[in-house]
């Protein structure tokens, strides 16, 4: 966990925005695929959703720091 937090702190605002967009697209695909046919580990949906929230929090912190 701490490693990801350090990586997000070192990323620029543009990189964080790109990461949020990519992760949201991945979450949408996974959610759709899960609706069609159950995925192996549905907890991955929760992990991904929380990871998006953490990334968005880091992005807001960077934007407010400027």
PDB file of N, CA and C in Angstrom:
ATOM      1  N   UNK A   1       0.813  -1.196   0.000  1.00  0.00           N
ATOM      2  CA  UNK A   1       0.000   0.000   0.000  1.00  0.00           C
ATOM      3  C   UNK A   1       0.859   1.264   0.000  1.00  0.00           C
ATOM      4  N   UNK A   2       1.837   1.303   0.868  1.00  0.00           N
ATOM      5  CA  UNK A   2       2.660   2.495   0.974  1.00  0.00           C
ATOM      6  C   UNK A   2       3.398   2.757  -0.331  1.00  0.00           C
ATOM      7  N   UNK A   3       3.788   1.700  -1.018  1.00  0.00           N
ATOM      8  CA  UNK A   3       4.509   1.859  -2.279  1.00  0.00           C
ATOM      9  C   UNK A   3       3.644   2.575  -3.302  1.00  0.00           C
ATOM     10  N   UNK A   4       2.354   2.196  -3.420  1.00  0.00           N
ATOM     11  CA  UNK A   4       1.458   2.860  -4.362  1.00  0.00           C
ATOM     12  C   UNK A   4       1.254   4.316  -4.001  1.00  0.00           C
ATOM     13  N   UNK A   5       1.144   4.594  -2.724  1.00  0.00           N
ATOM     14  CA  UNK A   5       0.941   5.966  -2.292  1.00  0.00           C
ATOM     15  C   UNK A   5       2.142   6.823  -2.667  1.00  0.00           C
ATOM     16  N   UNK A   6       3.346   6.283  -2.490  1.00  0.00           N
ATOM     17  CA  UNK A   6       4.549   7.026  -2.852  1.00  0.00           C
ATOM     18  C   UNK A   6       4.597   7.254  -4.356  1.00  0.00           C
ATOM     19  N   UNK A   7       4.198   6.258  -5.144  1.00  0.00           N
ATOM     20  CA  UNK A   7       4.207   6.408  -6.592  1.00  0.00           C
ATOM     21  C   UNK A   7       3.230   7.490  -7.024  1.00  0.00           C
ATOM     22  N   UNK A   8       2.066   7.543  -6.416  1.00  0.00           N
ATOM     23  CA  UNK A   8       1.067   8.540  -6.777  1.00  0.00           C
ATOM     24  C   UNK A   8       1.519   9.935  -6.372  1.00  0.00           C
ATOM     25  N   UNK A   9       2.268  10.040  -5.292  1.00  0.00           N
ATOM     26  CA  UNK A   9       2.765  11.348  -4.863  1.00  0.00           C
ATOM     27  C   UNK A   9       3.816  11.875  -5.825  1.00  0.00           C
ATOM     28  N   UNK A  10       4.530  10.981  -6.478  1.00  0.00           N
ATOM     29  CA  UNK A  10       5.589  11.391  -7.408  1.00  0.00           C
ATOM     30  C   UNK A  10       5.052  11.654  -8.809  1.00  0.00           C
ATOM     31  N   UNK A  11       3.807  11.325  -9.076  1.00  0.00           N
ATOM     32  CA  UNK A  11       3.232  11.510 -10.406  1.00  0.00           C
ATOM     33  C   UNK A  11       2.769  12.956 -10.573  1.00  0.00           C
ATOM     34  N   UNK A  12       2.776  13.408 -11.816  1.00  0.00           N
ATOM     35  CA  UNK A  12       2.290  14.755 -12.101  1.00  0.00           C
ATOM     36  C   UNK A  12       0.764  14.740 -12.175  1.00  0.00           C
ATOM     37  N   UNK A  13       0.186  15.923 -12.223  1.00  0.00           N
ATOM     38  CA  UNK A  13      -1.273  16.045 -12.305  1.00  0.00           C
ATOM     39  C   UNK A  13      -1.784  15.390 -13.588  1.00  0.00           C
ATOM     40  N   UNK A  14      -1.074  15.609 -14.689  1.00  0.00           N
ATOM     41  CA  UNK A  14      -1.498  15.030 -15.974  1.00  0.00           C
ATOM     42  C   UNK A  14      -1.453  13.513 -15.934  1.00  0.00           C
ATOM     43  N   UNK A  15      -0.417  12.957 -15.319  1.00  0.00           N
ATOM     44  CA  UNK A  15      -0.302  11.503 -15.215  1.00  0.00           C
ATOM     45  C   UNK A  15      -1.420  10.929 -14.354  1.00  0.00           C
ATOM     46  N   UNK A  16      -1.742  11.618 -13.272  1.00  0.00           N
ATOM     47  CA  UNK A  16      -2.821  11.148 -12.404  1.00  0.00           C
ATOM     48  C   UNK A  16      -4.164  11.202 -13.127  1.00  0.00           C
ATOM     49  N   UNK A  17      -4.383  12.268 -13.911  1.00  0.00           N
ATOM     50  CA  UNK A  17      -5.632  12.371 -14.668  1.00  0.00           C
ATOM     51  C   UNK A  17      -5.753  11.239 -15.683  1.00  0.00           C
ATOM     52  N   UNK A  18      -4.647  10.936 -16.368  1.00  0.00           N
ATOM     53  CA  UNK A  18      -4.648   9.841 -17.327  1.00  0.00           C
ATOM     54  C   UNK A  18      -4.909   8.505 -16.639  1.00  0.00           C
ATOM     55  N   UNK A  19      -4.321   8.337 -15.451  1.00  0.00           N
ATOM     56  CA  UNK A  19      -4.518   7.096 -14.697  1.00  0.00           C
ATOM     57  C   UNK A  19      -5.978   6.938 -14.276  1.00  0.00           C
ATOM     58  N   UNK A  20      -6.606   8.022 -13.836  1.00  0.00           N
ATOM     59  CA  UNK A  20      -8.011   7.962 -13.432  1.00  0.00           C
ATOM     60  C   UNK A  20      -8.885   7.578 -14.628  1.00  0.00           C
ATOM     61  N   UNK A  21      -8.641   8.189 -15.772  1.00  0.00           N
ATOM     62  CA  UNK A  21      -9.426   7.884 -16.972  1.00  0.00           C
ATOM     63  C   UNK A  21      -9.249   6.423 -17.370  1.00  0.00           C
ATOM     64  N   UNK A  22      -8.020   5.942 -17.351  1.00  0.00           N
ATOM     65  CA  UNK A  22      -7.750   4.556 -17.737  1.00  0.00           C
ATOM     66  C   UNK A  22      -8.381   3.568 -16.756  1.00  0.00           C
ATOM     67  N   UNK A  23      -8.285   3.868 -15.469  1.00  0.00           N
ATOM     68  CA  UNK A  23      -8.845   2.966 -14.464  1.00  0.00           C
ATOM     69  C   UNK A  23     -10.380   2.960 -14.509  1.00  0.00           C
ATOM     70  N   UNK A  24     -10.992   4.116 -14.776  1.00  0.00           N
ATOM     71  CA  UNK A  24     -12.445   4.155 -14.910  1.00  0.00           C
ATOM     72  C   UNK A  24     -12.903   3.342 -16.110  1.00  0.00           C
ATOM     73  N   UNK A  25     -12.169   3.422 -17.216  1.00  0.00           N
ATOM     74  CA  UNK A  25     -12.509   2.628 -18.397  1.00  0.00           C
ATOM     75  C   UNK A  25     -12.357   1.144 -18.097  1.00  0.00           C
ATOM     76  N   UNK A  26     -11.297   0.791 -17.396  1.00  0.00           N
ATOM     77  CA  UNK A  26     -11.082  -0.617 -17.020  1.00  0.00           C
ATOM     78  C   UNK A  26     -12.197  -1.101 -16.104  1.00  0.00           C
ATOM     79  N   UNK A  27     -12.607  -0.265 -15.144  1.00  0.00           N
ATOM     80  CA  UNK A  27     -13.680  -0.636 -14.221  1.00  0.00           C
ATOM     81  C   UNK A  27     -14.995  -0.849 -14.977  1.00  0.00           C
ATOM     82  N   UNK A  28     -15.278   0.023 -15.932  1.00  0.00           N
ATOM     83  CA  UNK A  28     -16.508  -0.104 -16.719  1.00  0.00           C
ATOM     84  C   UNK A  28     -16.508  -1.405 -17.505  1.00  0.00           C
ATOM     85  N   UNK A  29     -15.373  -1.728 -18.129  1.00  0.00           N
ATOM     86  CA  UNK A  29     -15.274  -2.990 -18.882  1.00  0.00           C
ATOM     87  C   UNK A  29     -15.454  -4.192 -17.967  1.00  0.00           C
ATOM     88  N   UNK A  30     -14.792  -4.156 -16.801  1.00  0.00           N
ATOM     89  CA  UNK A  30     -14.894  -5.279 -15.870  1.00  0.00           C
ATOM     90  C   UNK A  30     -16.325  -5.435 -15.372  1.00  0.00           C
ATOM     91  N   UNK A  31     -16.979  -4.334 -15.083  1.00  0.00           N
ATOM     92  CA  UNK A  31     -18.348  -4.377 -14.579  1.00  0.00           C
ATOM     93  C   UNK A  31     -19.290  -4.947 -15.640  1.00  0.00           C
ATOM     94  N   UNK A  32     -19.106  -4.533 -16.890  1.00  0.00           N
ATOM     95  CA  UNK A  32     -19.922  -5.063 -17.977  1.00  0.00           C
ATOM     96  C   UNK A  32     -19.667  -6.548 -18.169  1.00  0.00           C
ATOM     97  N   UNK A  33     -18.402  -6.941 -18.181  1.00  0.00           N
ATOM     98  CA  UNK A  33     -18.067  -8.352 -18.334  1.00  0.00           C
ATOM     99  C   UNK A  33     -18.626  -9.192 -17.193  1.00  0.00           C
ATOM    100  N   UNK A  34     -18.637  -8.637 -15.995  1.00  0.00           N
ATOM    101  CA  UNK A  34     -19.186  -9.348 -14.844  1.00  0.00           C
ATOM    102  C   UNK A  34     -20.699  -9.523 -14.977  1.00  0.00           C
ATOM    103  N   UNK A  35     -21.369  -8.558 -15.582  1.00  0.00           N
ATOM    104  CA  UNK A  35     -22.813  -8.666 -15.779  1.00  0.00           C
ATOM    105  C   UNK A  35     -23.149  -9.738 -16.813  1.00  0.00           C
ATOM    106  N   UNK A  36     -22.298  -9.885 -17.816  1.00  0.00           N
ATOM    107  CA  UNK A  36     -22.532 -10.870 -18.868  1.00  0.00           C
ATOM    108  C   UNK A  36     -22.177 -12.270 -18.376  1.00  0.00           C
ATOM    109  N   UNK A  37     -20.986 -12.411 -17.828  1.00  0.00           N
ATOM    110  CA  UNK A  37     -20.521 -13.694 -17.297  1.00  0.00           C
ATOM    111  C   UNK A  37     -19.696 -13.394 -16.052  1.00  0.00           C
ATOM    112  N   UNK A  38     -19.979 -14.065 -14.951  1.00  0.00           N
ATOM    113  CA  UNK A  38     -19.271 -13.762 -13.701  1.00  0.00           C
ATOM    114  C   UNK A  38     -17.752 -13.860 -13.862  1.00  0.00           C
ATOM    115  N   UNK A  39     -17.059 -12.875 -13.304  1.00  0.00           N
ATOM    116  CA  UNK A  39     -15.604 -12.904 -13.344  1.00  0.00           C
ATOM    117  C   UNK A  39     -15.105 -13.800 -12.216  1.00  0.00           C
ATOM    118  N   UNK A  40     -13.843 -14.215 -12.322  1.00  0.00           N
ATOM    119  CA  UNK A  40     -13.280 -15.157 -11.350  1.00  0.00           C
ATOM    120  C   UNK A  40     -13.302 -14.609  -9.929  1.00  0.00           C
ATOM    121  N   UNK A  41     -12.883 -13.359  -9.773  1.00  0.00           N
ATOM    122  CA  UNK A  41     -12.797 -12.776  -8.446  1.00  0.00           C
ATOM    123  C   UNK A  41     -13.547 -11.441  -8.425  1.00  0.00           C
ATOM    124  N   UNK A  42     -14.801 -11.452  -7.966  1.00  0.00           N
ATOM    125  CA  UNK A  42     -15.569 -10.195  -7.948  1.00  0.00           C
ATOM    126  C   UNK A  42     -15.003  -9.148  -6.986  1.00  0.00           C
ATOM    127  N   UNK A  43     -14.123  -9.552  -6.083  1.00  0.00           N
ATOM    128  CA  UNK A  43     -13.498  -8.578  -5.184  1.00  0.00           C
ATOM    129  C   UNK A  43     -12.576  -7.634  -5.950  1.00  0.00           C
ATOM    130  N   UNK A  44     -12.169  -8.034  -7.160  1.00  0.00           N
ATOM    131  CA  UNK A  44     -11.354  -7.150  -7.996  1.00  0.00           C
ATOM    132  C   UNK A  44     -12.112  -5.877  -8.333  1.00  0.00           C
ATOM    133  N   UNK A  45     -13.428  -5.971  -8.477  1.00  0.00           N
ATOM    134  CA  UNK A  45     -14.245  -4.779  -8.740  1.00  0.00           C
ATOM    135  C   UNK A  45     -14.142  -3.795  -7.572  1.00  0.00           C
ATOM    136  N   UNK A  46     -14.229  -4.305  -6.373  1.00  0.00           N
ATOM    137  CA  UNK A  46     -14.146  -3.441  -5.194  1.00  0.00           C
ATOM    138  C   UNK A  46     -12.754  -2.825  -5.083  1.00  0.00           C
ATOM    139  N   UNK A  47     -11.719  -3.643  -5.303  1.00  0.00           N
ATOM    140  CA  UNK A  47     -10.353  -3.139  -5.230  1.00  0.00           C
ATOM    141  C   UNK A  47     -10.132  -2.035  -6.256  1.00  0.00           C
ATOM    142  N   UNK A  48     -10.602  -2.252  -7.466  1.00  0.00           N
ATOM    143  CA  UNK A  48     -10.414  -1.265  -8.526  1.00  0.00           C
ATOM    144  C   UNK A  48     -11.178   0.022  -8.224  1.00  0.00           C
ATOM    145  N   UNK A  49     -12.394  -0.099  -7.729  1.00  0.00           N
ATOM    146  CA  UNK A  49     -13.197   1.081  -7.388  1.00  0.00           C
ATOM    147  C   UNK A  49     -12.501   1.893  -6.288  1.00  0.00           C
ATOM    148  N   UNK A  50     -11.956   1.217  -5.299  1.00  0.00           N
ATOM    149  CA  UNK A  50     -11.266   1.913  -4.220  1.00  0.00           C
ATOM    150  C   UNK A  50      -9.949   2.527  -4.700  1.00  0.00           C
ATOM    151  N   UNK A  51      -9.279   1.843  -5.616  1.00  0.00           N
ATOM    152  CA  UNK A  51      -8.048   2.371  -6.177  1.00  0.00           C
ATOM    153  C   UNK A  51      -8.325   3.653  -6.968  1.00  0.00           C
ATOM    154  N   UNK A  52      -9.448   3.686  -7.679  1.00  0.00           N
ATOM    155  CA  UNK A  52      -9.842   4.895  -8.409  1.00  0.00           C
ATOM    156  C   UNK A  52     -10.066   6.037  -7.419  1.00  0.00           C
ATOM    157  N   UNK A  53     -10.745   5.744  -6.315  1.00  0.00           N
ATOM    158  CA  UNK A  53     -11.009   6.773  -5.311  1.00  0.00           C
ATOM    159  C   UNK A  53      -9.709   7.299  -4.702  1.00  0.00           C
ATOM    160  N   UNK A  54      -8.773   6.407  -4.426  1.00  0.00           N
ATOM    161  CA  UNK A  54      -7.482   6.834  -3.865  1.00  0.00           C
ATOM    162  C   UNK A  54      -6.715   7.700  -4.852  1.00  0.00           C
ATOM    163  N   UNK A  55      -6.772   7.330  -6.124  1.00  0.00           N
ATOM    164  CA  UNK A  55      -6.084   8.105  -7.143  1.00  0.00           C
ATOM    165  C   UNK A  55      -6.717   9.484  -7.291  1.00  0.00           C
ATOM    166  N   UNK A  56      -8.038   9.538  -7.246  1.00  0.00           N
ATOM    167  CA  UNK A  56      -8.730  10.820  -7.348  1.00  0.00           C
ATOM    168  C   UNK A  56      -8.412  11.700  -6.140  1.00  0.00           C
ATOM    169  N   UNK A  57      -8.265  11.102  -4.968  1.00  0.00           N
ATOM    170  CA  UNK A  57      -7.899  11.850  -3.777  1.00  0.00           C
ATOM    171  C   UNK A  57      -6.503  12.440  -3.922  1.00  0.00           C
ATOM    172  N   UNK A  58      -5.574  11.638  -4.434  1.00  0.00           N
ATOM    173  CA  UNK A  58      -4.212  12.130  -4.660  1.00  0.00           C
ATOM    174  C   UNK A  58      -4.210  13.257  -5.697  1.00  0.00           C
ATOM    175  N   UNK A  59      -5.049  13.126  -6.719  1.00  0.00           N
ATOM    176  CA  UNK A  59      -5.155  14.154  -7.754  1.00  0.00           C
ATOM    177  C   UNK A  59      -5.676  15.460  -7.161  1.00  0.00           C
ATOM    178  N   UNK A  60      -6.705  15.383  -6.352  1.00  0.00           N
ATOM    179  CA  UNK A  60      -7.246  16.590  -5.723  1.00  0.00           C
ATOM    180  C   UNK A  60      -6.226  17.244  -4.805  1.00  0.00           C
ATOM    181  N   UNK A  61      -5.467  16.429  -4.085  1.00  0.00           N
ATOM    182  CA  UNK A  61      -4.443  16.974  -3.183  1.00  0.00           C
ATOM    183  C   UNK A  61      -3.384  17.717  -3.996  1.00  0.00           C
ATOM    184  N   UNK A  62      -3.008  17.164  -5.154  1.00  0.00           N
ATOM    185  CA  UNK A  62      -2.012  17.825  -6.005  1.00  0.00           C
ATOM    186  C   UNK A  62      -2.566  19.131  -6.553  1.00  0.00           C
ATOM    187  N   UNK A  63      -3.831  19.113  -6.990  1.00  0.00           N
ATOM    188  CA  UNK A  63      -4.423  20.321  -7.563  1.00  0.00           C
ATOM    189  C   UNK A  63      -4.558  21.418  -6.509  1.00  0.00           C
ATOM    190  N   UNK A  64      -4.909  21.053  -5.284  1.00  0.00           N
ATOM    191  CA  UNK A  64      -5.083  22.043  -4.216  1.00  0.00           C
ATOM    192  C   UNK A  64      -3.752  22.574  -3.707  1.00  0.00           C
ATOM    193  N   UNK A  65      -2.680  21.814  -3.925  1.00  0.00           N
ATOM    194  CA  UNK A  65      -1.363  22.238  -3.443  1.00  0.00           C
ATOM    195  C   UNK A  65      -0.782  23.343  -4.315  1.00  0.00           C
ATOM    196  N   UNK A  66      -1.260  23.460  -5.528  1.00  0.00           N
ATOM    197  CA  UNK A  66      -0.708  24.476  -6.446  1.00  0.00           C
ATOM    198  C   UNK A  66      -1.172  25.857  -6.110  1.00  0.00           C
TER     199      UNK A  66
END
